[in-house]
Amino acid sequence: MKKSFKLTALNKAPARQVDSVKHEINKYIARERRKTVVENADFWDFDCKYGDDAASAIKIDIADISKAIDKTVAEDKLEFYIEILAKPGHKIKAK
């Protein structure tokens, strides 16, 4: 997913639009995790980038997406760019 989201909508309150955007992102992540894992991989991992636009996007952890969106809302910005790419993940064996 490589997409710019607007945080304002004509037919929704701003808080509902933010919830809608978060829901769409979480739905995408869940859909990707349900896909069959490729051979020699244990799970689906994700590379994430977040920023005001594609050129200024920086790498973030998947767990920090919601916090980044909340920070964007607190700064009164009207849109943001997010990139979420699935990749095969491997478990690290504990010693």
PDB file of N, CA and C in Angstrom:
ATOM      1  N   MET A   1       0.855  -1.164   0.000  1.00  0.00           N
ATOM      2  CA  MET A   1       0.000   0.000   0.000  1.00  0.00           C
ATOM      3  C   MET A   1       0.900   1.225   0.000  1.00  0.00           C
ATOM      4  N   LYS A   2       0.721   2.053  -0.969  1.00  0.00           N
ATOM      5  CA  LYS A   2       1.385   3.352  -1.038  1.00  0.00           C
ATOM      6  C   LYS A   2       0.267   4.347  -1.298  1.00  0.00           C
ATOM      7  N   LYS A   3      -0.032   5.165  -0.286  1.00  0.00           N
ATOM      8  CA  LYS A   3      -1.220   5.990  -0.417  1.00  0.00           C
ATOM      9  C   LYS A   3      -1.123   7.251   0.424  1.00  0.00           C
ATOM     10  N   SER A   4      -1.722   8.314  -0.089  1.00  0.00           N
ATOM     11  CA  SER A   4      -1.885   9.547   0.676  1.00  0.00           C
ATOM     12  C   SER A   4      -3.317   9.590   1.190  1.00  0.00           C
ATOM     13  N   PHE A   5      -3.467   9.908   2.459  1.00  0.00           N
ATOM     14  CA  PHE A   5      -4.792   9.984   3.072  1.00  0.00           C
ATOM     15  C   PHE A   5      -5.092  11.418   3.453  1.00  0.00           C
ATOM     16  N   LYS A   6      -6.314  11.844   3.193  1.00  0.00           N
ATOM     17  CA  LYS A   6      -6.781  13.156   3.633  1.00  0.00           C
ATOM     18  C   LYS A   6      -7.496  12.976   4.972  1.00  0.00           C
ATOM     19  N   LEU A   7      -7.272  13.908   5.871  1.00  0.00           N
ATOM     20  CA  LEU A   7      -7.888  13.823   7.199  1.00  0.00           C
ATOM     21  C   LEU A   7      -9.138  14.672   7.307  1.00  0.00           C
ATOM     22  N   THR A   8      -9.614  15.178   6.187  1.00  0.00           N
ATOM     23  CA  THR A   8     -10.866  15.928   6.172  1.00  0.00           C
ATOM     24  C   THR A   8     -11.778  15.324   5.110  1.00  0.00           C
ATOM     25  N   ALA A   9     -13.062  15.333   5.392  1.00  0.00           N
ATOM     26  CA  ALA A   9     -14.060  14.844   4.446  1.00  0.00           C
ATOM     27  C   ALA A   9     -15.313  15.694   4.613  1.00  0.00           C
ATOM     28  N   LEU A  10     -16.005  15.910   3.524  1.00  0.00           N
ATOM     29  CA  LEU A  10     -17.197  16.755   3.572  1.00  0.00           C
ATOM     30  C   LEU A  10     -18.316  16.141   4.396  1.00  0.00           C
ATOM     31  N   ASN A  11     -18.449  14.816   4.339  1.00  0.00           N
ATOM     32  CA  ASN A  11     -19.591  14.166   4.981  1.00  0.00           C
ATOM     33  C   ASN A  11     -19.260  13.519   6.326  1.00  0.00           C
ATOM     34  N   LYS A  12     -18.068  13.773   6.879  1.00  0.00           N
ATOM     35  CA  LYS A  12     -17.686  13.150   8.148  1.00  0.00           C
ATOM     36  C   LYS A  12     -17.056  14.177   9.081  1.00  0.00           C
ATOM     37  N   ALA A  13     -17.273  13.954  10.357  1.00  0.00           N
ATOM     38  CA  ALA A  13     -16.581  14.764  11.368  1.00  0.00           C
ATOM     39  C   ALA A  13     -15.097  14.386  11.321  1.00  0.00           C
ATOM     40  N   PRO A  14     -14.208  15.309  11.641  1.00  0.00           N
ATOM     41  CA  PRO A  14     -12.769  15.018  11.564  1.00  0.00           C
ATOM     42  C   PRO A  14     -12.343  13.780  12.364  1.00  0.00           C
ATOM     43  N   ALA A  15     -12.885  13.589  13.541  1.00  0.00           N
ATOM     44  CA  ALA A  15     -12.521  12.426  14.358  1.00  0.00           C
ATOM     45  C   ALA A  15     -12.966  11.124  13.685  1.00  0.00           C
ATOM     46  N   ARG A  16     -14.123  11.135  13.038  1.00  0.00           N
ATOM     47  CA  ARG A  16     -14.613   9.938  12.346  1.00  0.00           C
ATOM     48  C   ARG A  16     -13.764   9.650  11.109  1.00  0.00           C
ATOM     49  N   GLN A  17     -13.280  10.684  10.441  1.00  0.00           N
ATOM     50  CA  GLN A  17     -12.423  10.493   9.274  1.00  0.00           C
ATOM     51  C   GLN A  17     -11.100   9.852   9.703  1.00  0.00           C
ATOM     52  N   VAL A  18     -10.553  10.284  10.823  1.00  0.00           N
ATOM     53  CA  VAL A  18      -9.312   9.696  11.340  1.00  0.00           C
ATOM     54  C   VAL A  18      -9.541   8.228  11.675  1.00  0.00           C
ATOM     55  N   ASP A  19     -10.651   7.925  12.325  1.00  0.00           N
ATOM     56  CA  ASP A  19     -10.980   6.535  12.640  1.00  0.00           C
ATOM     57  C   ASP A  19     -11.125   5.708  11.364  1.00  0.00           C
ATOM     58  N   SER A  20     -11.729   6.280  10.344  1.00  0.00           N
ATOM     59  CA  SER A  20     -11.922   5.599   9.075  1.00  0.00           C
ATOM     60  C   SER A  20     -10.576   5.276   8.416  1.00  0.00           C
ATOM     61  N   VAL A  21      -9.647   6.209   8.462  1.00  0.00           N
ATOM     62  CA  VAL A  21      -8.320   6.011   7.883  1.00  0.00           C
ATOM     63  C   VAL A  21      -7.573   4.914   8.648  1.00  0.00           C
ATOM     64  N   LYS A  22      -7.608   4.970   9.974  1.00  0.00           N
ATOM     65  CA  LYS A  22      -6.942   3.943  10.780  1.00  0.00           C
ATOM     66  C   LYS A  22      -7.545   2.570  10.502  1.00  0.00           C
ATOM     67  N   HIS A  23      -8.861   2.510  10.360  1.00  0.00           N
ATOM     68  CA  HIS A  23      -9.530   1.244  10.080  1.00  0.00           C
ATOM     69  C   HIS A  23      -9.085   0.684   8.730  1.00  0.00           C
ATOM     70  N   GLU A  24      -8.986   1.539   7.723  1.00  0.00           N
ATOM     71  CA  GLU A  24      -8.563   1.084   6.399  1.00  0.00           C
ATOM     72  C   GLU A  24      -7.137   0.530   6.430  1.00  0.00           C
ATOM     73  N   ILE A  25      -6.255   1.180   7.163  1.00  0.00           N
ATOM     74  CA  ILE A  25      -4.874   0.722   7.278  1.00  0.00           C
ATOM     75  C   ILE A  25      -4.817  -0.614   8.016  1.00  0.00           C
ATOM     76  N   ASN A  26      -5.547  -0.725   9.132  1.00  0.00           N
ATOM     77  CA  ASN A  26      -5.560  -1.982   9.889  1.00  0.00           C
ATOM     78  C   ASN A  26      -6.171  -3.128   9.080  1.00  0.00           C
ATOM     79  N   LYS A  27      -7.176  -2.812   8.280  1.00  0.00           N
ATOM     80  CA  LYS A  27      -7.814  -3.819   7.436  1.00  0.00           C
ATOM     81  C   LYS A  27      -6.824  -4.330   6.381  1.00  0.00           C
ATOM     82  N   TYR A  28      -6.033  -3.427   5.824  1.00  0.00           N
ATOM     83  CA  TYR A  28      -5.019  -3.820   4.839  1.00  0.00           C
ATOM     84  C   TYR A  28      -3.972  -4.731   5.482  1.00  0.00           C
ATOM     85  N   ILE A  29      -3.494  -4.369   6.666  1.00  0.00           N
ATOM     86  CA  ILE A  29      -2.484  -5.169   7.358  1.00  0.00           C
ATOM     87  C   ILE A  29      -3.032  -6.558   7.674  1.00  0.00           C
ATOM     88  N   ALA A  30      -4.256  -6.632   8.160  1.00  0.00           N
ATOM     89  CA  ALA A  30      -4.873  -7.924   8.472  1.00  0.00           C
ATOM     90  C   ALA A  30      -5.022  -8.779   7.216  1.00  0.00           C
ATOM     91  N   ARG A  31      -5.404  -8.168   6.110  1.00  0.00           N
ATOM     92  CA  ARG A  31      -5.568  -8.890   4.845  1.00  0.00           C
ATOM     93  C   ARG A  31      -4.223  -9.457   4.373  1.00  0.00           C
ATOM     94  N   GLU A  32      -3.161  -8.673   4.502  1.00  0.00           N
ATOM     95  CA  GLU A  32      -1.833  -9.143   4.100  1.00  0.00           C
ATOM     96  C   GLU A  32      -1.359 -10.283   5.000  1.00  0.00           C
ATOM     97  N   ARG A  33      -1.643 -10.212   6.280  1.00  0.00           N
ATOM     98  CA  ARG A  33      -1.215 -11.267   7.213  1.00  0.00           C
ATOM     99  C   ARG A  33      -1.939 -12.585   6.966  1.00  0.00           C
ATOM    100  N   ARG A  34      -3.147 -12.525   6.416  1.00  0.00           N
ATOM    101  CA  ARG A  34      -3.914 -13.742   6.136  1.00  0.00           C
ATOM    102  C   ARG A  34      -3.407 -14.487   4.909  1.00  0.00           C
ATOM    103  N   LYS A  35      -2.633 -13.837   4.061  1.00  0.00           N
ATOM    104  CA  LYS A  35      -2.134 -14.489   2.855  1.00  0.00           C
ATOM    105  C   LYS A  35      -1.189 -15.627   3.227  1.00  0.00           C
ATOM    106  N   THR A  36      -1.099 -16.592   2.351  1.00  0.00           N
ATOM    107  CA  THR A  36      -0.219 -17.734   2.573  1.00  0.00           C
ATOM    108  C   THR A  36       1.229 -17.249   2.598  1.00  0.00           C
ATOM    109  N   VAL A  37       1.952 -17.694   3.611  1.00  0.00           N
ATOM    110  CA  VAL A  37       3.351 -17.286   3.760  1.00  0.00           C
ATOM    111  C   VAL A  37       4.205 -18.034   2.747  1.00  0.00           C
ATOM    112  N   VAL A  38       5.161 -17.348   2.161  1.00  0.00           N
ATOM    113  CA  VAL A  38       6.033 -17.960   1.161  1.00  0.00           C
ATOM    114  C   VAL A  38       6.935 -19.004   1.813  1.00  0.00           C
ATOM    115  N   GLU A  39       7.474 -19.882   0.997  1.00  0.00           N
ATOM    116  CA  GLU A  39       8.343 -20.943   1.491  1.00  0.00           C
ATOM    117  C   GLU A  39       9.569 -20.359   2.188  1.00  0.00           C
ATOM    118  N   ASN A  40      10.017 -20.997   3.236  1.00  0.00           N
ATOM    119  CA  ASN A  40      11.186 -20.602   4.039  1.00  0.00           C
ATOM    120  C   ASN A  40      10.949 -19.346   4.875  1.00  0.00           C
ATOM    121  N   ALA A  41       9.703 -18.942   5.046  1.00  0.00           N
ATOM    122  CA  ALA A  41       9.383 -17.782   5.892  1.00  0.00           C
ATOM    123  C   ALA A  41       8.429 -18.239   6.989  1.00  0.00           C
ATOM    124  N   ASP A  42       8.460 -17.522   8.111  1.00  0.00           N
ATOM    125  CA  ASP A  42       7.614 -17.882   9.250  1.00  0.00           C
ATOM    126  C   ASP A  42       6.349 -17.027   9.343  1.00  0.00           C
ATOM    127  N   PHE A  43       6.414 -15.799   8.874  1.00  0.00           N
ATOM    128  CA  PHE A  43       5.283 -14.875   8.969  1.00  0.00           C
ATOM    129  C   PHE A  43       5.508 -13.716   8.003  1.00  0.00           C
ATOM    130  N   TRP A  44       4.507 -12.858   7.888  1.00  0.00           N
ATOM    131  CA  TRP A  44       4.642 -11.648   7.081  1.00  0.00           C
ATOM    132  C   TRP A  44       5.114 -10.504   7.975  1.00  0.00           C
ATOM    133  N   ASP A  45       6.178  -9.873   7.572  1.00  0.00           N
ATOM    134  CA  ASP A  45       6.708  -8.692   8.242  1.00  0.00           C
ATOM    135  C   ASP A  45       6.388  -7.506   7.340  1.00  0.00           C
ATOM    136  N   PHE A  46       6.531  -6.287   7.856  1.00  0.00           N
ATOM    137  CA  PHE A  46       6.163  -5.109   7.075  1.00  0.00           C
ATOM    138  C   PHE A  46       7.246  -4.036   7.151  1.00  0.00           C
ATOM    139  N   ASP A  47       7.526  -3.429   6.003  1.00  0.00           N
ATOM    140  CA  ASP A  47       8.360  -2.236   5.936  1.00  0.00           C
ATOM    141  C   ASP A  47       7.404  -1.063   5.830  1.00  0.00           C
ATOM    142  N   CYS A  48       7.533  -0.096   6.728  1.00  0.00           N
ATOM    143  CA  CYS A  48       6.606   1.033   6.761  1.00  0.00           C
ATOM    144  C   CYS A  48       7.366   2.346   6.656  1.00  0.00           C
ATOM    145  N   LYS A  49       6.785   3.265   5.907  1.00  0.00           N
ATOM    146  CA  LYS A  49       7.289   4.627   5.821  1.00  0.00           C
ATOM    147  C   LYS A  49       6.110   5.563   6.040  1.00  0.00           C
ATOM    148  N   TYR A  50       6.377   6.698   6.672  1.00  0.00           N
ATOM    149  CA  TYR A  50       5.314   7.644   7.004  1.00  0.00           C
ATOM    150  C   TYR A  50       5.853   9.064   6.879  1.00  0.00           C
ATOM    151  N   GLY A  51       5.048   9.965   6.316  1.00  0.00           N
ATOM    152  CA  GLY A  51       5.464  11.356   6.206  1.00  0.00           C
ATOM    153  C   GLY A  51       4.373  12.225   5.613  1.00  0.00           C
ATOM    154  N   ASP A  52       4.715  13.489   5.415  1.00  0.00           N
ATOM    155  CA  ASP A  52       3.762  14.426   4.821  1.00  0.00           C
ATOM    156  C   ASP A  52       3.524  14.115   3.350  1.00  0.00           C
ATOM    157  N   ASP A  53       4.562  13.627   2.672  1.00  0.00           N
ATOM    158  CA  ASP A  53       4.449  13.213   1.277  1.00  0.00           C
ATOM    159  C   ASP A  53       5.460  12.103   1.021  1.00  0.00           C
ATOM    160  N   ALA A  54       5.459  11.559  -0.194  1.00  0.00           N
ATOM    161  CA  ALA A  54       6.324  10.418  -0.497  1.00  0.00           C
ATOM    162  C   ALA A  54       7.802  10.774  -0.384  1.00  0.00           C
ATOM    163  N   ALA A  55       8.160  11.975  -0.735  1.00  0.00           N
ATOM    164  CA  ALA A  55       9.563  12.381  -0.705  1.00  0.00           C
ATOM    165  C   ALA A  55      10.091  12.538   0.718  1.00  0.00           C
ATOM    166  N   SER A  56       9.243  12.927   1.644  1.00  0.00           N
ATOM    167  CA  SER A  56       9.697  13.167   3.018  1.00  0.00           C
ATOM    168  C   SER A  56       9.385  12.009   3.974  1.00  0.00           C
ATOM    169  N   ALA A  57       8.900  10.892   3.448  1.00  0.00           N
ATOM    170  CA  ALA A  57       8.523   9.759   4.293  1.00  0.00           C
ATOM    171  C   ALA A  57       9.762   9.117   4.919  1.00  0.00           C
ATOM    172  N   ILE A  58       9.638   8.791   6.217  1.00  0.00           N
ATOM    173  CA  ILE A  58      10.733   8.133   6.928  1.00  0.00           C
ATOM    174  C   ILE A  58      10.255   6.779   7.430  1.00  0.00           C
ATOM    175  N   LYS A  59      11.199   5.893   7.675  1.00  0.00           N
ATOM    176  CA  LYS A  59      10.879   4.544   8.122  1.00  0.00           C
ATOM    177  C   LYS A  59      10.372   4.572   9.559  1.00  0.00           C
ATOM    178  N   ILE A  60       9.258   3.860   9.801  1.00  0.00           N
ATOM    179  CA  ILE A  60       8.717   3.716  11.151  1.00  0.00           C
ATOM    180  C   ILE A  60       8.356   2.258  11.387  1.00  0.00           C
ATOM    181  N   ASP A  61       8.149   1.907  12.638  1.00  0.00           N
ATOM    182  CA  ASP A  61       7.723   0.564  12.997  1.00  0.00           C
ATOM    183  C   ASP A  61       6.214   0.452  12.799  1.00  0.00           C
ATOM    184  N   ILE A  62       5.736  -0.722  12.467  1.00  0.00           N
ATOM    185  CA  ILE A  62       4.306  -0.915  12.218  1.00  0.00           C
ATOM    186  C   ILE A  62       3.470  -0.596  13.460  1.00  0.00           C
ATOM    187  N   ALA A  63       4.032  -0.803  14.642  1.00  0.00           N
ATOM    188  CA  ALA A  63       3.304  -0.528  15.887  1.00  0.00           C
ATOM    189  C   ALA A  63       3.142   0.970  16.137  1.00  0.00           C
ATOM    190  N   ASP A  64       3.902   1.806  15.456  1.00  0.00           N
ATOM    191  CA  ASP A  64       3.874   3.251  15.674  1.00  0.00           C
ATOM    192  C   ASP A  64       3.002   4.011  14.669  1.00  0.00           C
ATOM    193  N   ILE A  65       2.301   3.298  13.807  1.00  0.00           N
ATOM    194  CA  ILE A  65       1.491   3.960  12.783  1.00  0.00           C
ATOM    195  C   ILE A  65       0.384   4.802  13.418  1.00  0.00           C
ATOM    196  N   SER A  66      -0.347   4.229  14.350  1.00  0.00           N
ATOM    197  CA  SER A  66      -1.452   4.950  14.989  1.00  0.00           C
ATOM    198  C   SER A  66      -0.951   6.194  15.718  1.00  0.00           C
ATOM    199  N   LYS A  67       0.188   6.068  16.402  1.00  0.00           N
ATOM    200  CA  LYS A  67       0.767   7.218  17.100  1.00  0.00           C
ATOM    201  C   LYS A  67       1.176   8.311  16.116  1.00  0.00           C
ATOM    202  N   ALA A  68       1.712   7.916  14.963  1.00  0.00           N
ATOM    203  CA  ALA A  68       2.121   8.887  13.952  1.00  0.00           C
ATOM    204  C   ALA A  68       0.905   9.623  13.385  1.00  0.00           C
ATOM    205  N   ILE A  69      -0.190   8.910  13.182  1.00  0.00           N
ATOM    206  CA  ILE A  69      -1.416   9.542  12.685  1.00  0.00           C
ATOM    207  C   ILE A  69      -1.945  10.524  13.727  1.00  0.00           C
ATOM    208  N   ASP A  70      -1.961  10.113  14.992  1.00  0.00           N
ATOM    209  CA  ASP A  70      -2.422  11.004  16.059  1.00  0.00           C
ATOM    210  C   ASP A  70      -1.554  12.263  16.145  1.00  0.00           C
ATOM    211  N   LYS A  71      -0.253  12.115  15.950  1.00  0.00           N
ATOM    212  CA  LYS A  71       0.650  13.266  15.973  1.00  0.00           C
ATOM    213  C   LYS A  71       0.352  14.213  14.807  1.00  0.00           C
ATOM    214  N   THR A  72       0.061  13.643  13.637  1.00  0.00           N
ATOM    215  CA  THR A  72      -0.290  14.452  12.470  1.00  0.00           C
ATOM    216  C   THR A  72      -1.572  15.233  12.730  1.00  0.00           C
ATOM    217  N   VAL A  73      -2.551  14.600  13.353  1.00  0.00           N
ATOM    218  CA  VAL A  73      -3.812  15.266  13.686  1.00  0.00           C
ATOM    219  C   VAL A  73      -3.557  16.390  14.697  1.00  0.00           C
ATOM    220  N   ALA A  74      -2.718  16.135  15.683  1.00  0.00           N
ATOM    221  CA  ALA A  74      -2.418  17.142  16.708  1.00  0.00           C
ATOM    222  C   ALA A  74      -1.707  18.354  16.113  1.00  0.00           C
ATOM    223  N   GLU A  75      -0.957  18.141  15.036  1.00  0.00           N
ATOM    224  CA  GLU A  75      -0.255  19.239  14.366  1.00  0.00           C
ATOM    225  C   GLU A  75      -1.144  19.955  13.347  1.00  0.00           C
ATOM    226  N   ASP A  76      -2.420  19.582  13.274  1.00  0.00           N
ATOM    227  CA  ASP A  76      -3.413  20.189  12.373  1.00  0.00           C
ATOM    228  C   ASP A  76      -3.033  20.082  10.897  1.00  0.00           C
ATOM    229  N   LYS A  77      -2.389  18.993  10.524  1.00  0.00           N
ATOM    230  CA  LYS A  77      -2.079  18.763   9.108  1.00  0.00           C
ATOM    231  C   LYS A  77      -3.293  18.109   8.469  1.00  0.00           C
ATOM    232  N   LEU A  78      -3.484  18.338   7.172  1.00  0.00           N
ATOM    233  CA  LEU A  78      -4.681  17.868   6.494  1.00  0.00           C
ATOM    234  C   LEU A  78      -4.517  16.530   5.787  1.00  0.00           C
ATOM    235  N   GLU A  79      -3.264  16.097   5.560  1.00  0.00           N
ATOM    236  CA  GLU A  79      -3.060  14.818   4.900  1.00  0.00           C
ATOM    237  C   GLU A  79      -1.696  14.256   5.255  1.00  0.00           C
ATOM    238  N   PHE A  80      -1.523  12.962   4.949  1.00  0.00           N
ATOM    239  CA  PHE A  80      -0.247  12.299   5.175  1.00  0.00           C
ATOM    240  C   PHE A  80      -0.085  11.189   4.153  1.00  0.00           C
ATOM    241  N   TYR A  81       1.151  10.716   4.022  1.00  0.00           N
ATOM    242  CA  TYR A  81       1.488   9.629   3.109  1.00  0.00           C
ATOM    243  C   TYR A  81       1.955   8.443   3.936  1.00  0.00           C
ATOM    244  N   ILE A  82       1.506   7.250   3.560  1.00  0.00           N
ATOM    245  CA  ILE A  82       1.956   6.036   4.240  1.00  0.00           C
ATOM    246  C   ILE A  82       2.273   4.972   3.193  1.00  0.00           C
ATOM    247  N   GLU A  83       3.320   4.232   3.484  1.00  0.00           N
ATOM    248  CA  GLU A  83       3.736   3.140   2.611  1.00  0.00           C
ATOM    249  C   GLU A  83       3.921   1.908   3.493  1.00  0.00           C
ATOM    250  N   ILE A  84       3.194   0.845   3.181  1.00  0.00           N
ATOM    251  CA  ILE A  84       3.283  -0.403   3.928  1.00  0.00           C
ATOM    252  C   ILE A  84       3.506  -1.525   2.911  1.00  0.00           C
ATOM    253  N   LEU A  85       4.671  -2.155   2.997  1.00  0.00           N
ATOM    254  CA  LEU A  85       5.011  -3.227   2.070  1.00  0.00           C
ATOM    255  C   LEU A  85       5.289  -4.507   2.856  1.00  0.00           C
ATOM    256  N   ALA A  86       4.599  -5.584   2.476  1.00  0.00           N
ATOM    257  CA  ALA A  86       4.776  -6.871   3.145  1.00  0.00           C
ATOM    258  C   ALA A  86       6.045  -7.548   2.637  1.00  0.00           C
ATOM    259  N   LYS A  87       6.734  -8.234   3.564  1.00  0.00           N
ATOM    260  CA  LYS A  87       7.922  -9.005   3.207  1.00  0.00           C
ATOM    261  C   LYS A  87       7.945 -10.248   4.089  1.00  0.00           C
ATOM    262  N   PRO A  88       8.601 -11.305   3.642  1.00  0.00           N
ATOM    263  CA  PRO A  88       8.681 -12.510   4.469  1.00  0.00           C
ATOM    264  C   PRO A  88       9.497 -12.244   5.729  1.00  0.00           C
ATOM    265  N   GLY A  89       9.012 -12.756   6.861  1.00  0.00           N
ATOM    266  CA  GLY A  89       9.716 -12.599   8.123  1.00  0.00           C
ATOM    267  C   GLY A  89      10.191 -13.928   8.662  1.00  0.00           C
ATOM    268  N   HIS A  90      11.246 -13.882   9.429  1.00  0.00           N
ATOM    269  CA  HIS A  90      11.830 -15.094  10.003  1.00  0.00           C
ATOM    270  C   HIS A  90      11.954 -14.951  11.494  1.00  0.00           C
ATOM    271  N   LYS A  91      11.563 -15.989  12.230  1.00  0.00           N
ATOM    272  CA  LYS A  91      11.671 -15.979  13.689  1.00  0.00           C
ATOM    273  C   LYS A  91      13.125 -16.092  14.091  1.00  0.00           C
ATOM    274  N   ILE A  92      13.491 -15.400  15.149  1.00  0.00           N
ATOM    275  CA  ILE A  92      14.845 -15.490  15.680  1.00  0.00           C
ATOM    276  C   ILE A  92      14.799 -16.482  16.841  1.00  0.00           C
ATOM    277  N   LYS A  93      15.635 -17.477  16.759  1.00  0.00           N
ATOM    278  CA  LYS A  93      15.632 -18.515  17.798  1.00  0.00           C
ATOM    279  C   LYS A  93      16.336 -17.994  19.046  1.00  0.00           C
ATOM    280  N   ALA A  94      15.692 -18.200  20.198  1.00  0.00           N
ATOM    281  CA  ALA A  94      16.278 -17.786  21.464  1.00  0.00           C
ATOM    282  C   ALA A  94      17.338 -18.807  21.885  1.00  0.00           C
ATOM    283  N   LYS A  95      18.381 -18.322  22.517  1.00  0.00           N
ATOM    284  CA  LYS A  95      19.457 -19.223  22.938  1.00  0.00           C
ATOM    285  C   LYS A  95      19.232 -19.710  24.340  1.00  0.00           C
TER     286      LYS A  95
END
